[in-house]
Amino acid sequence: MSTIEKVQEEVLIEEQVEKNHEIVLYNDDVNTFDHVINCLVRICKHTSEQAEQCAIIVHYTGKCAVKTGSIEELKPQCSRLLDAGLSAVIE
């Protein structure tokens, strides 16, 4: 097995072991659609359309996964969503 193949195999194994987490946004009776959409665009770097779709899903189903990644990437974004008055958790 060549060195390149060994490195590729190690990377594949590492990717399989590392679990992605997600920020889940929950519905509330306080925040407006516009506020939720603006927060998702500003904090999670969603497009306007993506943020609007997430807001609609949250409204009708009660929750929506709005961002996926490592726990280290998601913690600051989840904190900013919480600071903006939204209900969100990392799962």
PDB file of N, CA and C in Angstrom:
ATOM      1  N   MET A   1       0.856  -1.172   0.000  1.00  0.00           N
ATOM      2  CA  MET A   1       0.000   0.000   0.000  1.00  0.00           C
ATOM      3  C   MET A   1       0.903   1.236   0.000  1.00  0.00           C
ATOM      4  N   SER A   2       0.614   2.158  -0.888  1.00  0.00           N
ATOM      5  CA  SER A   2       1.435   3.362  -0.989  1.00  0.00           C
ATOM      6  C   SER A   2       1.124   4.325   0.157  1.00  0.00           C
ATOM      7  N   THR A   3       1.996   5.294   0.342  1.00  0.00           N
ATOM      8  CA  THR A   3       1.818   6.301   1.388  1.00  0.00           C
ATOM      9  C   THR A   3       0.535   7.097   1.166  1.00  0.00           C
ATOM     10  N   ILE A   4       0.265   7.436  -0.070  1.00  0.00           N
ATOM     11  CA  ILE A   4      -0.947   8.210  -0.390  1.00  0.00           C
ATOM     12  C   ILE A   4      -2.190   7.408  -0.034  1.00  0.00           C
ATOM     13  N   GLU A   5      -2.193   6.120  -0.346  1.00  0.00           N
ATOM     14  CA  GLU A   5      -3.344   5.279  -0.019  1.00  0.00           C
ATOM     15  C   GLU A   5      -3.535   5.171   1.493  1.00  0.00           C
ATOM     16  N   LYS A   6      -2.423   5.061   2.241  1.00  0.00           N
ATOM     17  CA  LYS A   6      -2.511   4.982   3.698  1.00  0.00           C
ATOM     18  C   LYS A   6      -3.101   6.267   4.275  1.00  0.00           C
ATOM     19  N   VAL A   7      -2.658   7.408   3.772  1.00  0.00           N
ATOM     20  CA  VAL A   7      -3.174   8.695   4.255  1.00  0.00           C
ATOM     21  C   VAL A   7      -4.652   8.823   3.928  1.00  0.00           C
ATOM     22  N   GLN A   8      -5.040   8.443   2.718  1.00  0.00           N
ATOM     23  CA  GLN A   8      -6.447   8.519   2.329  1.00  0.00           C
ATOM     24  C   GLN A   8      -7.302   7.613   3.214  1.00  0.00           C
ATOM     25  N   GLU A   9      -6.794   6.427   3.522  1.00  0.00           N
ATOM     26  CA  GLU A   9      -7.525   5.501   4.365  1.00  0.00           C
ATOM     27  C   GLU A   9      -7.676   6.068   5.779  1.00  0.00           C
ATOM     28  N   GLU A  10      -6.626   6.672   6.321  1.00  0.00           N
ATOM     29  CA  GLU A  10      -6.695   7.268   7.648  1.00  0.00           C
ATOM     30  C   GLU A  10      -7.702   8.408   7.686  1.00  0.00           C
ATOM     31  N   VAL A  11      -7.736   9.226   6.655  1.00  0.00           N
ATOM     32  CA  VAL A  11      -8.672  10.338   6.592  1.00  0.00           C
ATOM     33  C   VAL A  11     -10.103   9.816   6.542  1.00  0.00           C
ATOM     34  N   LEU A  12     -10.355   8.783   5.740  1.00  0.00           N
ATOM     35  CA  LEU A  12     -11.695   8.208   5.653  1.00  0.00           C
ATOM     36  C   LEU A  12     -12.141   7.653   6.995  1.00  0.00           C
ATOM     37  N   ILE A  13     -11.255   6.976   7.694  1.00  0.00           N
ATOM     38  CA  ILE A  13     -11.593   6.428   9.003  1.00  0.00           C
ATOM     39  C   ILE A  13     -11.879   7.554   9.986  1.00  0.00           C
ATOM     40  N   GLU A  14     -11.061   8.606   9.976  1.00  0.00           N
ATOM     41  CA  GLU A  14     -11.264   9.732  10.871  1.00  0.00           C
ATOM     42  C   GLU A  14     -12.588  10.421  10.593  1.00  0.00           C
ATOM     43  N   GLU A  15     -12.953  10.563   9.326  1.00  0.00           N
ATOM     44  CA  GLU A  15     -14.214  11.207   8.970  1.00  0.00           C
ATOM     45  C   GLU A  15     -15.391  10.379   9.457  1.00  0.00           C
ATOM     46  N   GLN A  16     -15.272   9.062   9.418  1.00  0.00           N
ATOM     47  CA  GLN A  16     -16.361   8.204   9.855  1.00  0.00           C
ATOM     48  C   GLN A  16     -16.527   8.252  11.372  1.00  0.00           C
ATOM     49  N   VAL A  17     -15.443   8.397  12.107  1.00  0.00           N
ATOM     50  CA  VAL A  17     -15.487   8.403  13.558  1.00  0.00           C
ATOM     51  C   VAL A  17     -16.047   9.719  14.083  1.00  0.00           C
ATOM     52  N   GLU A  18     -15.670  10.839  13.470  1.00  0.00           N
ATOM     53  CA  GLU A  18     -16.116  12.146  13.936  1.00  0.00           C
ATOM     54  C   GLU A  18     -17.599  12.316  13.642  1.00  0.00           C
ATOM     55  N   LYS A  19     -18.371  12.543  14.707  1.00  0.00           N
ATOM     56  CA  LYS A  19     -19.819  12.694  14.550  1.00  0.00           C
ATOM     57  C   LYS A  19     -20.158  14.157  14.332  1.00  0.00           C
ATOM     58  N   ASN A  20     -20.957  14.414  13.333  1.00  0.00           N
ATOM     59  CA  ASN A  20     -21.440  15.778  13.125  1.00  0.00           C
ATOM     60  C   ASN A  20     -22.603  16.039  14.066  1.00  0.00           C
ATOM     61  N   HIS A  21     -22.642  17.228  14.558  1.00  0.00           N
ATOM     62  CA  HIS A  21     -23.728  17.678  15.416  1.00  0.00           C
ATOM     63  C   HIS A  21     -24.550  18.683  14.624  1.00  0.00           C
ATOM     64  N   GLU A  22     -25.682  19.072  15.182  1.00  0.00           N
ATOM     65  CA  GLU A  22     -26.499  20.062  14.503  1.00  0.00           C
ATOM     66  C   GLU A  22     -27.134  21.009  15.500  1.00  0.00           C
ATOM     67  N   ILE A  23     -27.323  22.239  15.047  1.00  0.00           N
ATOM     68  CA  ILE A  23     -28.084  23.206  15.835  1.00  0.00           C
ATOM     69  C   ILE A  23     -29.543  23.010  15.457  1.00  0.00           C
ATOM     70  N   VAL A  24     -30.361  22.771  16.462  1.00  0.00           N
ATOM     71  CA  VAL A  24     -31.799  22.621  16.249  1.00  0.00           C
ATOM     72  C   VAL A  24     -32.473  23.865  16.807  1.00  0.00           C
ATOM     73  N   LEU A  25     -33.246  24.517  15.955  1.00  0.00           N
ATOM     74  CA  LEU A  25     -33.994  25.718  16.326  1.00  0.00           C
ATOM     75  C   LEU A  25     -35.423  25.306  16.650  1.00  0.00           C
ATOM     76  N   TYR A  26     -35.940  25.807  17.774  1.00  0.00           N
ATOM     77  CA  TYR A  26     -37.291  25.465  18.223  1.00  0.00           C
ATOM     78  C   TYR A  26     -38.237  26.651  18.072  1.00  0.00           C
ATOM     79  N   ASN A  27     -39.498  26.317  17.869  1.00  0.00           N
ATOM     80  CA  ASN A  27     -40.538  27.334  17.731  1.00  0.00           C
ATOM     81  C   ASN A  27     -40.814  28.009  19.072  1.00  0.00           C
ATOM     82  N   ASP A  28     -41.193  29.260  19.022  1.00  0.00           N
ATOM     83  CA  ASP A  28     -41.658  29.979  20.204  1.00  0.00           C
ATOM     84  C   ASP A  28     -42.751  30.942  19.769  1.00  0.00           C
ATOM     85  N   ASP A  29     -43.409  31.517  20.731  1.00  0.00           N
ATOM     86  CA  ASP A  29     -44.497  32.460  20.443  1.00  0.00           C
ATOM     87  C   ASP A  29     -44.044  33.903  20.583  1.00  0.00           C
ATOM     88  N   VAL A  30     -42.736  34.132  20.611  1.00  0.00           N
ATOM     89  CA  VAL A  30     -42.198  35.461  20.882  1.00  0.00           C
ATOM     90  C   VAL A  30     -41.600  36.107  19.635  1.00  0.00           C
ATOM     91  N   ASN A  31     -40.762  35.385  18.941  1.00  0.00           N
ATOM     92  CA  ASN A  31     -39.999  35.963  17.831  1.00  0.00           C
ATOM     93  C   ASN A  31     -40.784  35.986  16.528  1.00  0.00           C
ATOM     94  N   THR A  32     -40.585  37.040  15.762  1.00  0.00           N
ATOM     95  CA  THR A  32     -41.250  37.170  14.462  1.00  0.00           C
ATOM     96  C   THR A  32     -40.481  36.389  13.400  1.00  0.00           C
ATOM     97  N   PHE A  33     -41.162  36.122  12.299  1.00  0.00           N
ATOM     98  CA  PHE A  33     -40.499  35.468  11.176  1.00  0.00           C
ATOM     99  C   PHE A  33     -39.292  36.281  10.717  1.00  0.00           C
ATOM    100  N   ASP A  34     -39.477  37.584  10.612  1.00  0.00           N
ATOM    101  CA  ASP A  34     -38.382  38.444  10.140  1.00  0.00           C
ATOM    102  C   ASP A  34     -37.168  38.352  11.054  1.00  0.00           C
ATOM    103  N   HIS A  35     -37.390  38.339  12.366  1.00  0.00           N
ATOM    104  CA  HIS A  35     -36.266  38.248  13.306  1.00  0.00           C
ATOM    105  C   HIS A  35     -35.534  36.914  13.148  1.00  0.00           C
ATOM    106  N   VAL A  36     -36.290  35.835  13.066  1.00  0.00           N
ATOM    107  CA  VAL A  36     -35.686  34.505  12.910  1.00  0.00           C
ATOM    108  C   VAL A  36     -34.896  34.441  11.602  1.00  0.00           C
ATOM    109  N   ILE A  37     -35.486  34.908  10.527  1.00  0.00           N
ATOM    110  CA  ILE A  37     -34.823  34.891   9.220  1.00  0.00           C
ATOM    111  C   ILE A  37     -33.545  35.715   9.256  1.00  0.00           C
ATOM    112  N   ASN A  38     -33.625  36.920   9.814  1.00  0.00           N
ATOM    113  CA  ASN A  38     -32.434  37.782   9.893  1.00  0.00           C
ATOM    114  C   ASN A  38     -31.328  37.132  10.720  1.00  0.00           C
ATOM    115  N   CYS A  39     -31.695  36.479  11.822  1.00  0.00           N
ATOM    116  CA  CYS A  39     -30.688  35.804  12.650  1.00  0.00           C
ATOM    117  C   CYS A  39     -30.032  34.656  11.905  1.00  0.00           C
ATOM    118  N   LEU A  40     -30.817  33.875  11.192  1.00  0.00           N
ATOM    119  CA  LEU A  40     -30.252  32.738  10.450  1.00  0.00           C
ATOM    120  C   LEU A  40     -29.322  33.215   9.341  1.00  0.00           C
ATOM    121  N   VAL A  41     -29.673  34.293   8.691  1.00  0.00           N
ATOM    122  CA  VAL A  41     -28.810  34.845   7.642  1.00  0.00           C
ATOM    123  C   VAL A  41     -27.524  35.387   8.253  1.00  0.00           C
ATOM    124  N   ARG A  42     -27.646  36.158   9.301  1.00  0.00           N
ATOM    125  CA  ARG A  42     -26.489  36.813   9.916  1.00  0.00           C
ATOM    126  C   ARG A  42     -25.581  35.826  10.664  1.00  0.00           C
ATOM    127  N   ILE A  43     -26.166  34.936  11.439  1.00  0.00           N
ATOM    128  CA  ILE A  43     -25.385  34.076  12.322  1.00  0.00           C
ATOM    129  C   ILE A  43     -24.984  32.762  11.657  1.00  0.00           C
ATOM    130  N   CYS A  44     -25.921  32.142  10.965  1.00  0.00           N
ATOM    131  CA  CYS A  44     -25.660  30.821  10.366  1.00  0.00           C
ATOM    132  C   CYS A  44     -25.255  30.896   8.897  1.00  0.00           C
ATOM    133  N   LYS A  45     -25.213  32.122   8.360  1.00  0.00           N
ATOM    134  CA  LYS A  45     -24.815  32.339   6.965  1.00  0.00           C
ATOM    135  C   LYS A  45     -25.748  31.648   5.969  1.00  0.00           C
ATOM    136  N   HIS A  46     -27.044  31.604   6.313  1.00  0.00           N
ATOM    137  CA  HIS A  46     -28.036  31.077   5.377  1.00  0.00           C
ATOM    138  C   HIS A  46     -28.303  32.100   4.282  1.00  0.00           C
ATOM    139  N   THR A  47     -28.790  31.617   3.142  1.00  0.00           N
ATOM    140  CA  THR A  47     -29.342  32.534   2.153  1.00  0.00           C
ATOM    141  C   THR A  47     -30.714  32.964   2.667  1.00  0.00           C
ATOM    142  N   SER A  48     -31.266  34.006   2.107  1.00  0.00           N
ATOM    143  CA  SER A  48     -32.601  34.457   2.524  1.00  0.00           C
ATOM    144  C   SER A  48     -33.638  33.363   2.333  1.00  0.00           C
ATOM    145  N   GLU A  49     -33.549  32.662   1.217  1.00  0.00           N
ATOM    146  CA  GLU A  49     -34.502  31.601   0.914  1.00  0.00           C
ATOM    147  C   GLU A  49     -34.371  30.443   1.901  1.00  0.00           C
ATOM    148  N   GLN A  50     -33.141  30.068   2.190  1.00  0.00           N
ATOM    149  CA  GLN A  50     -32.895  28.973   3.128  1.00  0.00           C
ATOM    150  C   GLN A  50     -33.405  29.344   4.522  1.00  0.00           C
ATOM    151  N   ALA A  51     -33.142  30.563   4.953  1.00  0.00           N
ATOM    152  CA  ALA A  51     -33.588  31.021   6.269  1.00  0.00           C
ATOM    153  C   ALA A  51     -35.110  31.050   6.343  1.00  0.00           C
ATOM    154  N   GLU A  52     -35.745  31.508   5.273  1.00  0.00           N
ATOM    155  CA  GLU A  52     -37.206  31.557   5.243  1.00  0.00           C
ATOM    156  C   GLU A  52     -37.794  30.152   5.324  1.00  0.00           C
ATOM    157  N   GLN A  53     -37.214  29.207   4.594  1.00  0.00           N
ATOM    158  CA  GLN A  53     -37.693  27.821   4.629  1.00  0.00           C
ATOM    159  C   GLN A  53     -37.546  27.230   6.024  1.00  0.00           C
ATOM    160  N   CYS A  54     -36.412  27.491   6.682  1.00  0.00           N
ATOM    161  CA  CYS A  54     -36.205  26.988   8.041  1.00  0.00           C
ATOM    162  C   CYS A  54     -37.223  27.593   9.002  1.00  0.00           C
ATOM    163  N   ALA A  55     -37.489  28.879   8.868  1.00  0.00           N
ATOM    164  CA  ALA A  55     -38.463  29.543   9.732  1.00  0.00           C
ATOM    165  C   ALA A  55     -39.852  28.938   9.560  1.00  0.00           C
ATOM    166  N   ILE A  56     -40.215  28.630   8.340  1.00  0.00           N
ATOM    167  CA  ILE A  56     -41.526  28.020   8.067  1.00  0.00           C
ATOM    168  C   ILE A  56     -41.587  26.609   8.665  1.00  0.00           C
ATOM    169  N   ILE A  57     -40.521  25.840   8.500  1.00  0.00           N
ATOM    170  CA  ILE A  57     -40.476  24.488   9.070  1.00  0.00           C
ATOM    171  C   ILE A  57     -40.596  24.559  10.588  1.00  0.00           C
ATOM    172  N   VAL A  58     -39.861  25.467  11.210  1.00  0.00           N
ATOM    173  CA  VAL A  58     -39.928  25.625  12.667  1.00  0.00           C
ATOM    174  C   VAL A  58     -41.349  25.978  13.092  1.00  0.00           C
ATOM    175  N   HIS A  59     -41.970  26.881  12.363  1.00  0.00           N
ATOM    176  CA  HIS A  59     -43.323  27.321  12.705  1.00  0.00           C
ATOM    177  C   HIS A  59     -44.323  26.166  12.652  1.00  0.00           C
ATOM    178  N   TYR A  60     -44.253  25.356  11.615  1.00  0.00           N
ATOM    179  CA  TYR A  60     -45.251  24.308  11.417  1.00  0.00           C
ATOM    180  C   TYR A  60     -44.926  22.982  12.089  1.00  0.00           C
ATOM    181  N   THR A  61     -43.650  22.670  12.307  1.00  0.00           N
ATOM    182  CA  THR A  61     -43.307  21.378  12.909  1.00  0.00           C
ATOM    183  C   THR A  61     -42.746  21.510  14.320  1.00  0.00           C
ATOM    184  N   GLY A  62     -42.408  22.715  14.721  1.00  0.00           N
ATOM    185  CA  GLY A  62     -41.913  22.924  16.073  1.00  0.00           C
ATOM    186  C   GLY A  62     -40.403  22.985  16.193  1.00  0.00           C
ATOM    187  N   LYS A  63     -39.690  22.465  15.191  1.00  0.00           N
ATOM    188  CA  LYS A  63     -38.233  22.529  15.240  1.00  0.00           C
ATOM    189  C   LYS A  63     -37.651  22.264  13.866  1.00  0.00           C
ATOM    190  N   CYS A  64     -36.372  22.642  13.708  1.00  0.00           N
ATOM    191  CA  CYS A  64     -35.679  22.427  12.440  1.00  0.00           C
ATOM    192  C   CYS A  64     -34.174  22.465  12.692  1.00  0.00           C
ATOM    193  N   ALA A  65     -33.450  21.516  12.106  1.00  0.00           N
ATOM    194  CA  ALA A  65     -31.988  21.552  12.154  1.00  0.00           C
ATOM    195  C   ALA A  65     -31.539  22.647  11.187  1.00  0.00           C
ATOM    196  N   VAL A  66     -30.831  23.651  11.706  1.00  0.00           N
ATOM    197  CA  VAL A  66     -30.465  24.799  10.883  1.00  0.00           C
ATOM    198  C   VAL A  66     -28.981  24.843  10.520  1.00  0.00           C
ATOM    199  N   LYS A  67     -28.159  24.034  11.186  1.00  0.00           N
ATOM    200  CA  LYS A  67     -26.714  24.042  10.887  1.00  0.00           C
ATOM    201  C   LYS A  67     -26.121  22.725  11.358  1.00  0.00           C
ATOM    202  N   THR A  68     -25.203  22.177  10.561  1.00  0.00           N
ATOM    203  CA  THR A  68     -24.523  20.930  10.886  1.00  0.00           C
ATOM    204  C   THR A  68     -23.030  21.171  10.887  1.00  0.00           C
ATOM    205  N   GLY A  69     -22.335  20.523  11.816  1.00  0.00           N
ATOM    206  CA  GLY A  69     -20.882  20.654  11.871  1.00  0.00           C
ATOM    207  C   GLY A  69     -20.323  20.076  13.153  1.00  0.00           C
ATOM    208  N   SER A  70     -19.081  20.390  13.416  1.00  0.00           N
ATOM    209  CA  SER A  70     -18.446  19.917  14.652  1.00  0.00           C
ATOM    210  C   SER A  70     -18.953  20.764  15.809  1.00  0.00           C
ATOM    211  N   ILE A  71     -18.845  20.228  16.983  1.00  0.00           N
ATOM    212  CA  ILE A  71     -19.310  20.932  18.179  1.00  0.00           C
ATOM    213  C   ILE A  71     -18.577  22.255  18.356  1.00  0.00           C
ATOM    214  N   GLU A  72     -17.288  22.274  18.014  1.00  0.00           N
ATOM    215  CA  GLU A  72     -16.492  23.497  18.144  1.00  0.00           C
ATOM    216  C   GLU A  72     -16.982  24.594  17.200  1.00  0.00           C
ATOM    217  N   GLU A  73     -17.412  24.204  16.001  1.00  0.00           N
ATOM    218  CA  GLU A  73     -17.930  25.175  15.031  1.00  0.00           C
ATOM    219  C   GLU A  73     -19.298  25.708  15.451  1.00  0.00           C
ATOM    220  N   LEU A  74     -20.103  24.835  16.046  1.00  0.00           N
ATOM    221  CA  LEU A  74     -21.490  25.189  16.323  1.00  0.00           C
ATOM    222  C   LEU A  74     -21.704  25.955  17.623  1.00  0.00           C
ATOM    223  N   LYS A  75     -20.849  25.751  18.611  1.00  0.00           N
ATOM    224  CA  LYS A  75     -21.047  26.408  19.910  1.00  0.00           C
ATOM    225  C   LYS A  75     -21.183  27.927  19.804  1.00  0.00           C
ATOM    226  N   PRO A  76     -20.272  28.621  19.099  1.00  0.00           N
ATOM    227  CA  PRO A  76     -20.416  30.085  19.029  1.00  0.00           C
ATOM    228  C   PRO A  76     -21.692  30.520  18.299  1.00  0.00           C
ATOM    229  N   GLN A  77     -22.060  29.785  17.256  1.00  0.00           N
ATOM    230  CA  GLN A  77     -23.271  30.151  16.525  1.00  0.00           C
ATOM    231  C   GLN A  77     -24.514  29.922  17.373  1.00  0.00           C
ATOM    232  N   CYS A  78     -24.563  28.809  18.095  1.00  0.00           N
ATOM    233  CA  CYS A  78     -25.710  28.533  18.956  1.00  0.00           C
ATOM    234  C   CYS A  78     -25.812  29.589  20.053  1.00  0.00           C
ATOM    235  N   SER A  79     -24.696  29.976  20.616  1.00  0.00           N
ATOM    236  CA  SER A  79     -24.685  31.018  21.652  1.00  0.00           C
ATOM    237  C   SER A  79     -25.240  32.334  21.113  1.00  0.00           C
ATOM    238  N   ARG A  80     -24.851  32.675  19.885  1.00  0.00           N
ATOM    239  CA  ARG A  80     -25.346  33.920  19.281  1.00  0.00           C
ATOM    240  C   ARG A  80     -26.849  33.844  19.014  1.00  0.00           C
ATOM    241  N   LEU A  81     -27.338  32.674  18.598  1.00  0.00           N
ATOM    242  CA  LEU A  81     -28.780  32.508  18.399  1.00  0.00           C
ATOM    243  C   LEU A  81     -29.517  32.681  19.726  1.00  0.00           C
ATOM    244  N   LEU A  82     -28.969  32.090  20.786  1.00  0.00           N
ATOM    245  CA  LEU A  82     -29.579  32.224  22.111  1.00  0.00           C
ATOM    246  C   LEU A  82     -29.544  33.683  22.576  1.00  0.00           C
ATOM    247  N   ASP A  83     -28.424  34.365  22.341  1.00  0.00           N
ATOM    248  CA  ASP A  83     -28.313  35.778  22.717  1.00  0.00           C
ATOM    249  C   ASP A  83     -29.330  36.642  21.965  1.00  0.00           C
ATOM    250  N   ALA A  84     -29.703  36.190  20.768  1.00  0.00           N
ATOM    251  CA  ALA A  84     -30.695  36.928  19.968  1.00  0.00           C
ATOM    252  C   ALA A  84     -32.122  36.605  20.388  1.00  0.00           C
ATOM    253  N   GLY A  85     -32.278  35.735  21.396  1.00  0.00           N
ATOM    254  CA  GLY A  85     -33.606  35.431  21.911  1.00  0.00           C
ATOM    255  C   GLY A  85     -34.260  34.224  21.285  1.00  0.00           C
ATOM    256  N   LEU A  86     -33.532  33.481  20.459  1.00  0.00           N
ATOM    257  CA  LEU A  86     -34.100  32.283  19.835  1.00  0.00           C
ATOM    258  C   LEU A  86     -33.887  31.079  20.737  1.00  0.00           C
ATOM    259  N   SER A  87     -34.694  30.050  20.523  1.00  0.00           N
ATOM    260  CA  SER A  87     -34.565  28.795  21.278  1.00  0.00           C
ATOM    261  C   SER A  87     -33.821  27.794  20.413  1.00  0.00           C
ATOM    262  N   ALA A  88     -32.595  27.454  20.815  1.00  0.00           N
ATOM    263  CA  ALA A  88     -31.778  26.551  20.024  1.00  0.00           C
ATOM    264  C   ALA A  88     -30.908  25.689  20.929  1.00  0.00           C
ATOM    265  N   VAL A  89     -30.623  24.479  20.459  1.00  0.00           N
ATOM    266  CA  VAL A  89     -29.733  23.569  21.180  1.00  0.00           C
ATOM    267  C   VAL A  89     -28.827  22.875  20.162  1.00  0.00           C
ATOM    268  N   ILE A  90     -27.721  22.368  20.658  1.00  0.00           N
ATOM    269  CA  ILE A  90     -26.835  21.542  19.826  1.00  0.00           C
ATOM    270  C   ILE A  90     -27.126  20.089  20.167  1.00  0.00           C
ATOM    271  N   GLU A  91     -27.414  19.316  19.153  1.00  0.00           N
ATOM    272  CA  GLU A  91     -27.675  17.866  19.350  1.00  0.00           C
ATOM    273  C   GLU A  91     -26.628  17.070  18.621  1.00  0.00           C
TER     274      GLU A  91
END
